[in-house]
Amino acid sequence: MGLEIDIETLREEVETAIRVFYAYEAAMRLLSEQAYVDSMNKNVYFWKIFLSSAQTKLFIALGRLYDDSNDTFSFAKFIRTCRENINEFGKDDLESRRLKGSAVRPPWLDGFLANAHFATIEDIDVLAKLTRPFNKKMKGLYEEIRNKVFAHAVHTDEAVISNLFKGTNLRK
């Protein structure tokens, strides 16, 4: 995959995780009000399936972003691709992308390029460093939940699953 494809893939993966998180969070917030609980109870199996599906998708999506296996797309792979293709973050490449499909040079382009920031290896390294604490967290408890509860159903006992979730905080 090229850098442009990796950027789009990362955007899609992150956007999916964010949308699922907020959908799940909104549904859980509704459960704090009795009127919504009563309404949801009219079709309780739909809501159980929705909440379970959203939770499963969220853990799978987050796991995919932090899975550093060689054959997967992840944030670590994205960082490697950015470092390997740092030249694509330069002025000439940005100009080419902005001119793509244009017959005439847009009048705003020179000002845009003059004010643009062109990423360096150091910028990419800072981005990677910012994600390290989350990567460590994902490699621990969240990966165990993903693998043993959602992906492979190793744990099916409600008490075991409940205990695993005690250490989670998806808002972080």
C-alpha atoms as a PDB file:
ATOM      1  CA  MET A   1       0.000   0.000   0.000  1.00  0.00           C
ATOM      2  CA  GLY A   2       1.130   3.510  -0.688  1.00  0.00           C
ATOM      3  CA  LEU A   3       1.088   6.385   1.724  1.00  0.00           C
ATOM      4  CA  GLU A   4      -2.089   7.878   0.273  1.00  0.00           C
ATOM      5  CA  ILE A   5      -3.923   4.571   0.713  1.00  0.00           C
ATOM      6  CA  ASP A   6      -2.545   4.149   4.236  1.00  0.00           C
ATOM      7  CA  ILE A   7      -3.697   7.641   5.218  1.00  0.00           C
ATOM      8  CA  GLU A   8      -7.195   6.879   3.948  1.00  0.00           C
ATOM      9  CA  THR A   9      -7.209   3.472   5.667  1.00  0.00           C
ATOM     10  CA  LEU A  10      -6.140   5.018   8.973  1.00  0.00           C
ATOM     11  CA  ARG A  11      -8.791   7.705   8.638  1.00  0.00           C
ATOM     12  CA  GLU A  12     -11.479   5.081   8.013  1.00  0.00           C
ATOM     13  CA  GLU A  13     -10.339   2.861  10.891  1.00  0.00           C
ATOM     14  CA  VAL A  14     -10.167   5.733  13.384  1.00  0.00           C
ATOM     15  CA  GLU A  15     -13.462   7.201  12.200  1.00  0.00           C
ATOM     16  CA  THR A  16     -15.181   3.826  12.577  1.00  0.00           C
ATOM     17  CA  ALA A  17     -13.872   3.402  16.122  1.00  0.00           C
ATOM     18  CA  ILE A  18     -14.972   6.929  17.059  1.00  0.00           C
ATOM     19  CA  ARG A  19     -18.463   6.541  15.570  1.00  0.00           C
ATOM     20  CA  VAL A  20     -19.019   3.195  17.270  1.00  0.00           C
ATOM     21  CA  PHE A  21     -17.734   4.566  20.587  1.00  0.00           C
ATOM     22  CA  TYR A  22     -20.126   7.530  20.533  1.00  0.00           C
ATOM     23  CA  ALA A  23     -23.071   5.384  19.408  1.00  0.00           C
ATOM     24  CA  TYR A  24     -22.409   2.983  22.275  1.00  0.00           C
ATOM     25  CA  GLU A  25     -21.885   5.804  24.747  1.00  0.00           C
ATOM     26  CA  ALA A  26     -25.127   7.523  23.664  1.00  0.00           C
ATOM     27  CA  ALA A  27     -27.116   4.320  24.096  1.00  0.00           C
ATOM     28  CA  MET A  28     -25.596   3.737  27.540  1.00  0.00           C
ATOM     29  CA  ARG A  29     -26.427   7.322  28.532  1.00  0.00           C
ATOM     30  CA  LEU A  30     -30.053   6.703  27.565  1.00  0.00           C
ATOM     31  CA  LEU A  31     -30.118   3.802  29.989  1.00  0.00           C
ATOM     32  CA  SER A  32     -29.605   6.261  32.847  1.00  0.00           C
ATOM     33  CA  GLU A  33     -33.124   7.634  32.339  1.00  0.00           C
ATOM     34  CA  GLN A  34     -36.090   5.457  33.229  1.00  0.00           C
ATOM     35  CA  ALA A  35     -38.261   6.702  30.353  1.00  0.00           C
ATOM     36  CA  TYR A  36     -35.660   5.482  27.853  1.00  0.00           C
ATOM     37  CA  VAL A  37     -35.199   2.207  29.732  1.00  0.00           C
ATOM     38  CA  ASP A  38     -38.952   1.622  29.497  1.00  0.00           C
ATOM     39  CA  SER A  39     -38.894   2.437  25.793  1.00  0.00           C
ATOM     40  CA  MET A  40     -35.902   0.182  25.144  1.00  0.00           C
ATOM     41  CA  ASN A  41     -37.536  -2.644  27.062  1.00  0.00           C
ATOM     42  CA  LYS A  42     -40.304  -2.708  24.444  1.00  0.00           C
ATOM     43  CA  ASN A  43     -37.717  -4.178  22.073  1.00  0.00           C
ATOM     44  CA  VAL A  44     -35.120  -5.400  24.524  1.00  0.00           C
ATOM     45  CA  TYR A  45     -33.456  -7.917  22.193  1.00  0.00           C
ATOM     46  CA  PHE A  46     -32.787  -5.254  19.573  1.00  0.00           C
ATOM     47  CA  TRP A  47     -31.006  -3.123  22.167  1.00  0.00           C
ATOM     48  CA  LYS A  48     -29.083  -6.081  23.577  1.00  0.00           C
ATOM     49  CA  ILE A  49     -27.902  -6.939  20.075  1.00  0.00           C
ATOM     50  CA  PHE A  50     -27.089  -3.299  19.328  1.00  0.00           C
ATOM     51  CA  LEU A  51     -25.061  -2.796  22.517  1.00  0.00           C
ATOM     52  CA  SER A  52     -23.261  -6.118  22.150  1.00  0.00           C
ATOM     53  CA  SER A  53     -22.485  -5.441  18.479  1.00  0.00           C
ATOM     54  CA  ALA A  54     -21.242  -1.931  19.186  1.00  0.00           C
ATOM     55  CA  GLN A  55     -19.049  -3.133  22.040  1.00  0.00           C
ATOM     56  CA  THR A  56     -17.643  -5.964  19.917  1.00  0.00           C
ATOM     57  CA  LYS A  57     -16.965  -3.677  16.962  1.00  0.00           C
ATOM     58  CA  LEU A  58     -15.284  -1.118  19.202  1.00  0.00           C
ATOM     59  CA  PHE A  59     -12.869  -3.635  20.710  1.00  0.00           C
ATOM     60  CA  ILE A  60     -12.138  -5.176  17.314  1.00  0.00           C
ATOM     61  CA  ALA A  61     -11.572  -1.724  15.751  1.00  0.00           C
ATOM     62  CA  LEU A  62      -9.275  -0.579  18.559  1.00  0.00           C
ATOM     63  CA  GLY A  63      -7.418  -3.870  18.447  1.00  0.00           C
ATOM     64  CA  ARG A  64      -6.850  -3.492  14.726  1.00  0.00           C
ATOM     65  CA  LEU A  65      -5.323  -0.054  15.206  1.00  0.00           C
ATOM     66  CA  TYR A  66      -2.863  -1.348  17.782  1.00  0.00           C
ATOM     67  CA  ASP A  67      -2.121  -4.809  16.338  1.00  0.00           C
ATOM     68  CA  ASP A  68       1.528  -4.758  15.313  1.00  0.00           C
ATOM     69  CA  SER A  69       1.604  -8.099  13.488  1.00  0.00           C
ATOM     70  CA  ASN A  70       3.513  -7.852  10.219  1.00  0.00           C
ATOM     71  CA  ASP A  71       0.537  -8.732   8.025  1.00  0.00           C
ATOM     72  CA  THR A  72      -1.945  -6.237   9.481  1.00  0.00           C
ATOM     73  CA  PHE A  73      -2.696  -2.563   9.001  1.00  0.00           C
ATOM     74  CA  SER A  74      -2.151  -0.723  12.272  1.00  0.00           C
ATOM     75  CA  PHE A  75      -0.993   2.583  13.627  1.00  0.00           C
ATOM     76  CA  ALA A  76       2.545   1.180  13.920  1.00  0.00           C
ATOM     77  CA  LYS A  77       2.500   0.197  10.241  1.00  0.00           C
ATOM     78  CA  PHE A  78       1.152   3.646   9.357  1.00  0.00           C
ATOM     79  CA  ILE A  79       4.052   5.305  11.210  1.00  0.00           C
ATOM     80  CA  ARG A  80       6.551   3.051   9.393  1.00  0.00           C
ATOM     81  CA  THR A  81       4.991   3.908   6.031  1.00  0.00           C
ATOM     82  CA  CYS A  82       5.127   7.636   6.837  1.00  0.00           C
ATOM     83  CA  ARG A  83       8.798   7.403   7.790  1.00  0.00           C
ATOM     84  CA  GLU A  84       9.619   5.406   4.640  1.00  0.00           C
ATOM     85  CA  ASN A  85       7.778   7.905   2.437  1.00  0.00           C
ATOM     86  CA  ILE A  86       8.608  11.157   4.214  1.00  0.00           C
ATOM     87  CA  ASN A  87       9.315  12.802   0.858  1.00  0.00           C
ATOM     88  CA  GLU A  88       5.581  12.583   0.071  1.00  0.00           C
ATOM     89  CA  PHE A  89       5.000  15.140   2.831  1.00  0.00           C
ATOM     90  CA  GLY A  90       7.159  17.699   0.985  1.00  0.00           C
ATOM     91  CA  LYS A  91       6.130  20.848  -0.834  1.00  0.00           C
ATOM     92  CA  ASP A  92       6.426  19.402  -4.352  1.00  0.00           C
ATOM     93  CA  ASP A  93       4.253  16.408  -3.527  1.00  0.00           C
ATOM     94  CA  LEU A  94       1.625  18.557  -1.799  1.00  0.00           C
ATOM     95  CA  GLU A  95       1.569  20.889  -4.793  1.00  0.00           C
ATOM     96  CA  SER A  96       1.133  17.941  -7.156  1.00  0.00           C
ATOM     97  CA  ARG A  97      -1.757  16.557  -5.093  1.00  0.00           C
ATOM     98  CA  ARG A  98      -3.497  19.943  -5.036  1.00  0.00           C
ATOM     99  CA  LEU A  99      -3.045  20.361  -8.797  1.00  0.00           C
ATOM    100  CA  LYS A 100      -4.300  16.864  -9.589  1.00  0.00           C
ATOM    101  CA  GLY A 101      -7.288  17.101 -11.887  1.00  0.00           C
ATOM    102  CA  SER A 102      -6.953  20.872 -12.346  1.00  0.00           C
ATOM    103  CA  ALA A 103      -6.456  22.389 -15.769  1.00  0.00           C
ATOM    104  CA  VAL A 104      -5.508  25.750 -14.260  1.00  0.00           C
ATOM    105  CA  ARG A 105      -3.396  26.567 -11.203  1.00  0.00           C
ATOM    106  CA  PRO A 106      -5.761  27.827  -8.481  1.00  0.00           C
ATOM    107  CA  PRO A 107      -4.997  31.393  -7.344  1.00  0.00           C
ATOM    108  CA  TRP A 108      -4.940  30.366  -3.659  1.00  0.00           C
ATOM    109  CA  LEU A 109      -2.337  27.605  -4.107  1.00  0.00           C
ATOM    110  CA  ASP A 110       0.836  29.700  -3.694  1.00  0.00           C
ATOM    111  CA  GLY A 111      -0.403  31.210  -0.423  1.00  0.00           C
ATOM    112  CA  PHE A 112      -1.512  27.786   0.762  1.00  0.00           C
ATOM    113  CA  LEU A 113       1.906  26.283   0.046  1.00  0.00           C
ATOM    114  CA  ALA A 114       3.706  29.217   1.655  1.00  0.00           C
ATOM    115  CA  ASN A 115       1.809  28.652   4.923  1.00  0.00           C
ATOM    116  CA  ALA A 116       1.814  24.841   4.900  1.00  0.00           C
ATOM    117  CA  HIS A 117       3.791  22.730   7.349  1.00  0.00           C
ATOM    118  CA  PHE A 118       5.786  19.936   5.746  1.00  0.00           C
ATOM    119  CA  ALA A 119       6.220  16.962   8.039  1.00  0.00           C
ATOM    120  CA  THR A 120       9.664  15.712   8.938  1.00  0.00           C
ATOM    121  CA  ILE A 121      10.857  12.416  10.374  1.00  0.00           C
ATOM    122  CA  GLU A 122      10.972  14.192  13.742  1.00  0.00           C
ATOM    123  CA  ASP A 123       7.273  15.106  13.417  1.00  0.00           C
ATOM    124  CA  ILE A 124       6.403  11.487  12.667  1.00  0.00           C
ATOM    125  CA  ASP A 125       8.498  10.352  15.638  1.00  0.00           C
ATOM    126  CA  VAL A 126       6.649  12.782  17.928  1.00  0.00           C
ATOM    127  CA  LEU A 127       3.343  11.350  16.704  1.00  0.00           C
ATOM    128  CA  ALA A 128       4.594   7.813  17.376  1.00  0.00           C
ATOM    129  CA  LYS A 129       5.783   8.823  20.849  1.00  0.00           C
ATOM    130  CA  LEU A 130       2.367  10.311  21.681  1.00  0.00           C
ATOM    131  CA  THR A 131       0.713   6.962  20.967  1.00  0.00           C
ATOM    132  CA  ARG A 132       3.107   4.790  23.010  1.00  0.00           C
ATOM    133  CA  PRO A 133       1.210   5.001  26.316  1.00  0.00           C
ATOM    134  CA  PHE A 134      -2.000   3.960  24.550  1.00  0.00           C
ATOM    135  CA  ASN A 135      -0.203   1.180  22.727  1.00  0.00           C
ATOM    136  CA  LYS A 136       0.983  -0.244  26.055  1.00  0.00           C
ATOM    137  CA  LYS A 137      -2.543  -0.074  27.443  1.00  0.00           C
ATOM    138  CA  MET A 138      -3.974  -1.763  24.358  1.00  0.00           C
ATOM    139  CA  LYS A 139      -1.361  -4.533  24.561  1.00  0.00           C
ATOM    140  CA  GLY A 140      -2.542  -5.356  28.064  1.00  0.00           C
ATOM    141  CA  LEU A 141      -6.096  -5.507  29.257  1.00  0.00           C
ATOM    142  CA  TYR A 142      -7.839  -4.308  26.109  1.00  0.00           C
ATOM    143  CA  GLU A 143      -6.078  -6.865  23.924  1.00  0.00           C
ATOM    144  CA  GLU A 144      -7.004  -9.620  26.355  1.00  0.00           C
ATOM    145  CA  ILE A 145     -10.656  -8.554  26.280  1.00  0.00           C
ATOM    146  CA  ARG A 146     -10.602  -8.301  22.497  1.00  0.00           C
ATOM    147  CA  ASN A 147      -9.009 -11.708  22.029  1.00  0.00           C
ATOM    148  CA  LYS A 148     -10.613 -13.696  24.821  1.00  0.00           C
ATOM    149  CA  VAL A 149     -14.101 -12.198  24.944  1.00  0.00           C
ATOM    150  CA  PHE A 150     -14.918 -10.839  21.494  1.00  0.00           C
ATOM    151  CA  ALA A 151     -12.666 -12.474  18.921  1.00  0.00           C
ATOM    152  CA  HIS A 152     -12.401 -16.021  20.250  1.00  0.00           C
ATOM    153  CA  ALA A 153     -14.936 -16.373  23.109  1.00  0.00           C
ATOM    154  CA  VAL A 154     -12.382 -17.970  25.416  1.00  0.00           C
ATOM    155  CA  HIS A 155     -14.139 -16.373  28.398  1.00  0.00           C
ATOM    156  CA  THR A 156     -17.891 -16.918  28.475  1.00  0.00           C
ATOM    157  CA  ASP A 157     -18.511 -16.750  32.226  1.00  0.00           C
ATOM    158  CA  GLU A 158     -20.231 -13.457  33.085  1.00  0.00           C
ATOM    159  CA  ALA A 159     -18.221 -12.989  36.307  1.00  0.00           C
ATOM    160  CA  VAL A 160     -14.877 -13.465  34.523  1.00  0.00           C
ATOM    161  CA  ILE A 161     -15.901 -11.051  31.777  1.00  0.00           C
ATOM    162  CA  SER A 162     -17.164  -8.505  34.311  1.00  0.00           C
ATOM    163  CA  ASN A 163     -13.853  -8.664  36.186  1.00  0.00           C
ATOM    164  CA  LEU A 164     -11.911  -8.063  32.965  1.00  0.00           C
ATOM    165  CA  PHE A 165     -13.943  -4.941  32.235  1.00  0.00           C
ATOM    166  CA  LYS A 166     -13.310  -3.428  35.690  1.00  0.00           C
ATOM    167  CA  GLY A 167      -9.960  -2.034  34.580  1.00  0.00           C
ATOM    168  CA  THR A 168     -11.221  -0.425  31.384  1.00  0.00           C
ATOM    169  CA  ASN A 169     -11.846   3.208  30.625  1.00  0.00           C
ATOM    170  CA  LEU A 170     -12.545   3.746  26.943  1.00  0.00           C
ATOM    171  CA  ARG A 171     -12.844   7.506  27.410  1.00  0.00           C
ATOM    172  CA  LYS A 172      -9.063   7.630  27.816  1.00  0.00           C
END
